[in-house]
Amino acid sequence: MAIEVRIPTILRSYTDGEKAVQGSGETIAELFTDLDARHPGIRDRLVEGEELRRFVNVYLNDEDVRFLDGIATKLADGDSVTVLPAVAGGMG
C-alpha cells in the first residue's frame, strides 16, 4: 500500500530534503512507524505517547485527522497525508 506523505520544510532534514516521501500502513500510527524506519527520528517529532503532538497538524486527503480517529485513522492505498506545523501568532 503506497501512501504519499508531504513533509513540511522544518522536518525535511529527516527526509534528506525531500518534500514528499512514500510510506505504508493501515493507520496513521503505522504509517509514522514505517516512516521512522526509513527516516529515523521523524516519528518523535510528530507523535507524543499515542497522540499527535500539540503543534502538529496532519491531514488525510485534506481532512484534519483530529476530526477523524487521530493517529488511529485508517488509510487506503493512494491516500495522501500532509504534515503541517501549527502556526501560532497574533496581533502584537
Protein backbone atom coordinates (compact mmCIF):
# COMPACT_ATOMS: atom_id res chain seq x y z
CA MET A 1 0.00 0.00 0.00
CA ALA A 2 1.53 3.30 -1.09
CA ILE A 3 0.74 6.49 0.80
CA GLU A 4 2.27 9.82 -0.20
CA VAL A 5 3.32 11.91 2.79
CA ARG A 6 4.02 15.61 2.27
CA ILE A 7 6.69 16.85 4.64
CA PRO A 8 6.96 20.47 5.89
CA THR A 9 10.24 22.34 5.46
CA ILE A 10 11.03 22.14 9.18
CA LEU A 11 11.10 18.30 9.06
CA ARG A 12 12.86 17.81 5.74
CA SER A 13 16.20 17.32 7.49
CA TYR A 14 14.81 13.86 8.38
CA THR A 15 13.91 13.08 4.74
CA ASP A 16 17.16 14.27 3.09
CA GLY A 17 15.36 17.38 1.88
CA GLU A 18 12.53 15.51 0.18
CA LYS A 19 9.20 17.39 0.06
CA ALA A 20 7.22 14.15 -0.21
CA VAL A 21 8.03 10.56 0.73
CA GLN A 22 6.25 7.24 0.34
CA GLY A 23 5.11 5.18 3.28
CA SER A 24 2.74 2.37 4.14
CA GLY A 25 0.48 1.32 6.97
CA GLU A 26 -3.12 0.53 7.80
CA THR A 27 -3.38 3.60 10.08
CA ILE A 28 -1.66 6.95 10.57
CA ALA A 29 0.21 5.44 13.55
CA GLU A 30 1.53 2.55 11.42
CA LEU A 31 2.44 4.98 8.65
CA PHE A 32 4.51 7.08 11.07
CA THR A 33 6.25 3.94 12.38
CA ASP A 34 7.01 2.93 8.78
CA LEU A 35 8.37 6.40 8.00
CA ASP A 36 10.54 6.30 11.11
CA ALA A 37 12.15 3.04 9.93
CA ARG A 38 13.39 4.85 6.81
CA HIS A 39 13.74 8.35 8.25
CA PRO A 40 14.87 7.82 11.88
CA GLY A 41 13.64 10.39 14.38
CA ILE A 42 10.72 11.73 12.38
CA ARG A 43 8.06 9.89 14.39
CA ASP A 44 9.18 11.52 17.64
CA ARG A 45 8.62 14.92 16.02
CA LEU A 46 5.04 14.01 15.12
CA VAL A 47 3.76 11.87 17.98
CA GLU A 48 3.99 12.09 21.76
CA GLY A 49 2.83 8.96 23.52
CA GLU A 50 -0.11 7.75 21.47
CA GLU A 51 -1.32 11.17 20.31
CA LEU A 52 -0.26 13.76 17.77
CA ARG A 53 1.98 16.43 19.20
CA ARG A 54 0.07 19.56 20.08
CA PHE A 55 1.71 21.73 17.42
CA VAL A 56 1.49 19.24 14.55
CA ASN A 57 -1.46 19.07 12.18
CA VAL A 58 -1.96 16.02 9.99
CA TYR A 59 -4.39 15.91 7.10
CA LEU A 60 -5.64 12.83 5.29
CA ASN A 61 -6.80 13.82 1.81
CA ASP A 62 -7.24 17.41 3.11
CA GLU A 63 -9.24 16.38 6.21
CA ASP A 64 -7.78 17.02 9.68
CA VAL A 65 -7.23 13.61 11.33
CA ARG A 66 -8.09 15.11 14.73
CA PHE A 67 -11.70 15.20 13.49
CA LEU A 68 -11.44 11.60 12.28
CA ASP A 69 -9.77 8.99 14.54
CA GLY A 70 -6.47 10.76 15.23
CA ILE A 71 -3.48 8.51 14.68
CA ALA A 72 -5.84 5.51 14.59
CA THR A 73 -7.36 6.89 11.35
CA LYS A 74 -7.49 4.16 8.71
CA LEU A 75 -5.61 4.57 5.43
CA ALA A 76 -6.22 3.26 1.93
CA ASP A 77 -3.88 2.73 -1.00
CA GLY A 78 -3.33 6.02 -2.82
CA ASP A 79 -4.22 8.25 0.13
CA SER A 80 -2.31 11.47 0.62
CA VAL A 81 -1.16 12.60 4.06
CA THR A 82 0.06 16.14 4.69
CA VAL A 83 2.00 17.12 7.81
CA LEU A 84 1.90 20.79 8.76
CA PRO A 85 3.31 22.57 11.78
CA ALA A 86 0.66 24.55 13.63
CA VAL A 87 1.19 28.25 13.20
CA ALA A 88 0.92 30.40 16.29
CA GLY A 89 0.82 34.12 16.41
CA GLY A 90 -1.45 37.06 16.74
CA MET A 91 -1.55 40.76 16.91
CA GLY A 92 1.25 42.21 18.93
